[in-house]
Every structure is written in C-alpha cells, then in structure tokens.
C-alpha atoms as a PDB file:
ATOM      1  CA  MET A   1      37.780-135.633 182.665  1.00  0.00           C
ATOM      2  CA  ALA A   2      39.158-138.709 179.836  1.00  0.00           C
ATOM      3  CA  ASP A   3      41.289-141.117 181.260  1.00  0.00           C
ATOM      4  CA  SER A   4      45.017-140.499 179.316  1.00  0.00           C
ATOM      5  CA  ARG A   5      46.379-144.261 180.599  1.00  0.00           C
ATOM      6  CA  GLU A   6      47.105-146.244 177.330  1.00  0.00           C
ATOM      7  CA  THR A   7      45.909-149.505 177.523  1.00  0.00           C
ATOM      8  CA  VAL A   8      46.751-152.719 176.147  1.00  0.00           C
ATOM      9  CA  ASP A   9      44.710-155.676 175.819  1.00  0.00           C
ATOM     10  CA  ILE A  10      46.603-158.947 176.699  1.00  0.00           C
ATOM     11  CA  ASP A  11      44.735-162.578 175.458  1.00  0.00           C
ATOM     12  CA  GLY A  12      42.905-164.130 178.388  1.00  0.00           C
ATOM     13  CA  LEU A  13      42.990-160.809 180.656  1.00  0.00           C
ATOM     14  CA  ARG A  14      40.045-159.184 178.473  1.00  0.00           C
ATOM     15  CA  GLY A  15      37.924-157.263 181.054  1.00  0.00           C
ATOM     16  CA  GLY A  16      39.904-157.545 184.053  1.00  0.00           C
ATOM     17  CA  GLU A  17      39.197-161.264 184.624  1.00  0.00           C
ATOM     18  CA  ARG A  18      42.037-163.676 185.158  1.00  0.00           C
ATOM     19  CA  PRO A  19      42.325-166.570 183.888  1.00  0.00           C
ATOM     20  CA  ALA A  20      41.353-170.165 185.368  1.00  0.00           C
ATOM     21  CA  ASP A  21      44.425-172.068 186.699  1.00  0.00           C
ATOM     22  CA  GLY A  22      45.835-173.901 183.624  1.00  0.00           C
ATOM     23  CA  ALA A  23      43.987-171.866 180.801  1.00  0.00           C
ATOM     24  CA  ALA A  24      45.942-169.389 178.639  1.00  0.00           C
ATOM     25  CA  ARG A  25      48.670-169.768 180.733  1.00  0.00           C
ATOM     26  CA  ALA A  26      51.411-172.967 179.716  1.00  0.00           C
ATOM     27  CA  ALA A  27      53.941-173.432 182.271  1.00  0.00           C
ATOM     28  CA  ARG A  28      56.945-173.002 181.063  1.00  0.00           C
ATOM     29  CA  PRO A  29      59.995-174.341 182.882  1.00  0.00           C
ATOM     30  CA  PHE A  30      63.241-171.921 184.170  1.00  0.00           C
ATOM     31  CA  LEU A  31      65.851-171.510 186.244  1.00  0.00           C
ATOM     32  CA  SER A  32      66.398-168.647 188.871  1.00  0.00           C
ATOM     33  CA  ILE A  33      70.139-167.533 188.213  1.00  0.00           C
ATOM     34  CA  TRP A  34      71.996-164.584 190.042  1.00  0.00           C
ATOM     35  CA  PHE A  35      73.990-163.122 187.477  1.00  0.00           C
ATOM     36  CA  ARG A  36      77.285-162.133 189.623  1.00  0.00           C
ATOM     37  CA  CYS A  37      78.062-159.546 186.362  1.00  0.00           C
ATOM     38  CA  CYS A  38      75.669-157.357 187.544  1.00  0.00           C
ATOM     39  CA  ASN A  39      74.382-158.796 191.224  1.00  0.00           C
ATOM     40  CA  ALA A  40      70.994-159.209 189.414  1.00  0.00           C
ATOM     41  CA  TYR A  41      68.346-162.016 188.880  1.00  0.00           C
ATOM     42  CA  GLY A  42      66.581-163.537 186.121  1.00  0.00           C
ATOM     43  CA  ARG A  43      65.410-166.416 184.556  1.00  0.00           C
ATOM     44  CA  VAL A  44      67.108-169.027 181.822  1.00  0.00           C
ATOM     45  CA  TYR A  45      63.769-171.079 180.232  1.00  0.00           C
ATOM     46  CA  LYS A  46      64.148-174.146 178.370  1.00  0.00           C
ATOM     47  CA  GLU A  47      65.055-174.693 175.112  1.00  0.00           C
ATOM     48  CA  ALA A  48      62.206-175.913 172.741  1.00  0.00           C
ATOM     49  CA  ASP A  49      64.343-179.805 172.518  1.00  0.00           C
ATOM     50  CA  GLY A  50      64.598-179.726 175.732  1.00  0.00           C
ATOM     51  CA  ALA A  51      68.396-180.097 176.142  1.00  0.00           C
ATOM     52  CA  ARG A  52      69.027-176.832 177.403  1.00  0.00           C
ATOM     53  CA  TYR A  53      68.433-173.746 179.790  1.00  0.00           C
ATOM     54  CA  ALA A  54      69.132-170.967 177.564  1.00  0.00           C
ATOM     55  CA  GLY A  55      68.659-166.896 178.503  1.00  0.00           C
ATOM     56  CA  ARG A  56      70.796-163.426 179.298  1.00  0.00           C
ATOM     57  CA  CYS A  57      71.607-161.100 181.846  1.00  0.00           C
ATOM     58  CA  PRO A  58      69.101-158.643 182.407  1.00  0.00           C
ATOM     59  CA  ARG A  59      71.078-155.494 182.971  1.00  0.00           C
ATOM     60  CA  CYS A  60      74.264-156.333 180.897  1.00  0.00           C
ATOM     61  CA  GLY A  61      72.669-158.835 178.146  1.00  0.00           C
ATOM     62  CA  ALA A  62      75.515-161.792 179.039  1.00  0.00           C
ATOM     63  CA  SER A  63      74.379-165.184 177.873  1.00  0.00           C
ATOM     64  CA  LEU A  64      74.154-167.899 179.568  1.00  0.00           C
ATOM     65  CA  THR A  65      73.107-171.920 178.513  1.00  0.00           C
ATOM     66  CA  VAL A  66      72.783-174.457 181.143  1.00  0.00           C
ATOM     67  CA  ARG A  67      72.768-178.309 179.651  1.00  0.00           C
ATOM     68  CA  VAL A  68      69.903-180.553 180.953  1.00  0.00           C
ATOM     69  CA  GLY A  69      72.318-183.949 182.429  1.00  0.00           C
ATOM     70  CA  PRO A  70      71.078-187.329 182.548  1.00  0.00           C
ATOM     71  CA  GLY A  71      70.926-187.736 186.409  1.00  0.00           C
ATOM     72  CA  GLY A  72      69.460-183.478 186.770  1.00  0.00           C
ATOM     73  CA  THR A  73      69.384-181.766 189.929  1.00  0.00           C
ATOM     74  CA  SER A  74      66.004-181.241 191.729  1.00  0.00           C
ATOM     75  CA  GLN A  75      67.814-177.413 192.352  1.00  0.00           C
ATOM     76  CA  ARG A  76      65.928-174.717 190.476  1.00  0.00           C
ATOM     77  CA  ALA A  77      68.399-171.748 191.686  1.00  0.00           C
ATOM     78  CA  PHE A  78      71.515-171.179 190.597  1.00  0.00           C
ATOM     79  CA  GLU A  79      74.659-168.353 190.812  1.00  0.00           C
ATOM     80  CA  ALA A  80      76.302-167.227 187.457  1.00  0.00           C
ATOM     81  CA  TRP A  81      79.843-165.901 187.648  1.00  0.00           C
END
C-alpha cells in the first residue's frame, strides 16, 4: 500500500538526519512574550539592525515592538498588555 502522507524536504534535514550543533542553524535572538490579549505565548525576534525586537500575537495578530535599551536586561520573558 502506498504512503498517502505528503513529505516536505527541509534543507539540512534530508534523510531524517539532524544537523550538527551550529550547522544549518543560526541562533536568532528572541523574547518570549505572554500576549494577554489572547492568553497565548509567542516569540518576538530581534530585527537585523539590532535596535528592537518585533513580532505579532500568534492569535489576533496584534503587533509588538520592544526597543533594545543601553543598559539592557537579562530577562527573556515578558507580558504584553
């Protein structure tokens, strides 16, 4: 019997192999956000210029921008009202 599932070929994962640490995977800085508007978690990713993080609520699409300040913080989880 033929397999009716569709397959997707993802670069770096051909043949069921996982990429080696650091290979085919670049660390992309993000913040974890609890979007209170929809009671959902999401990620906002750092922009290419490094001045801000930007993203949207995964349910309603509300946009969020977080500036990167001079002092910064080590905190990586936040709530968006």
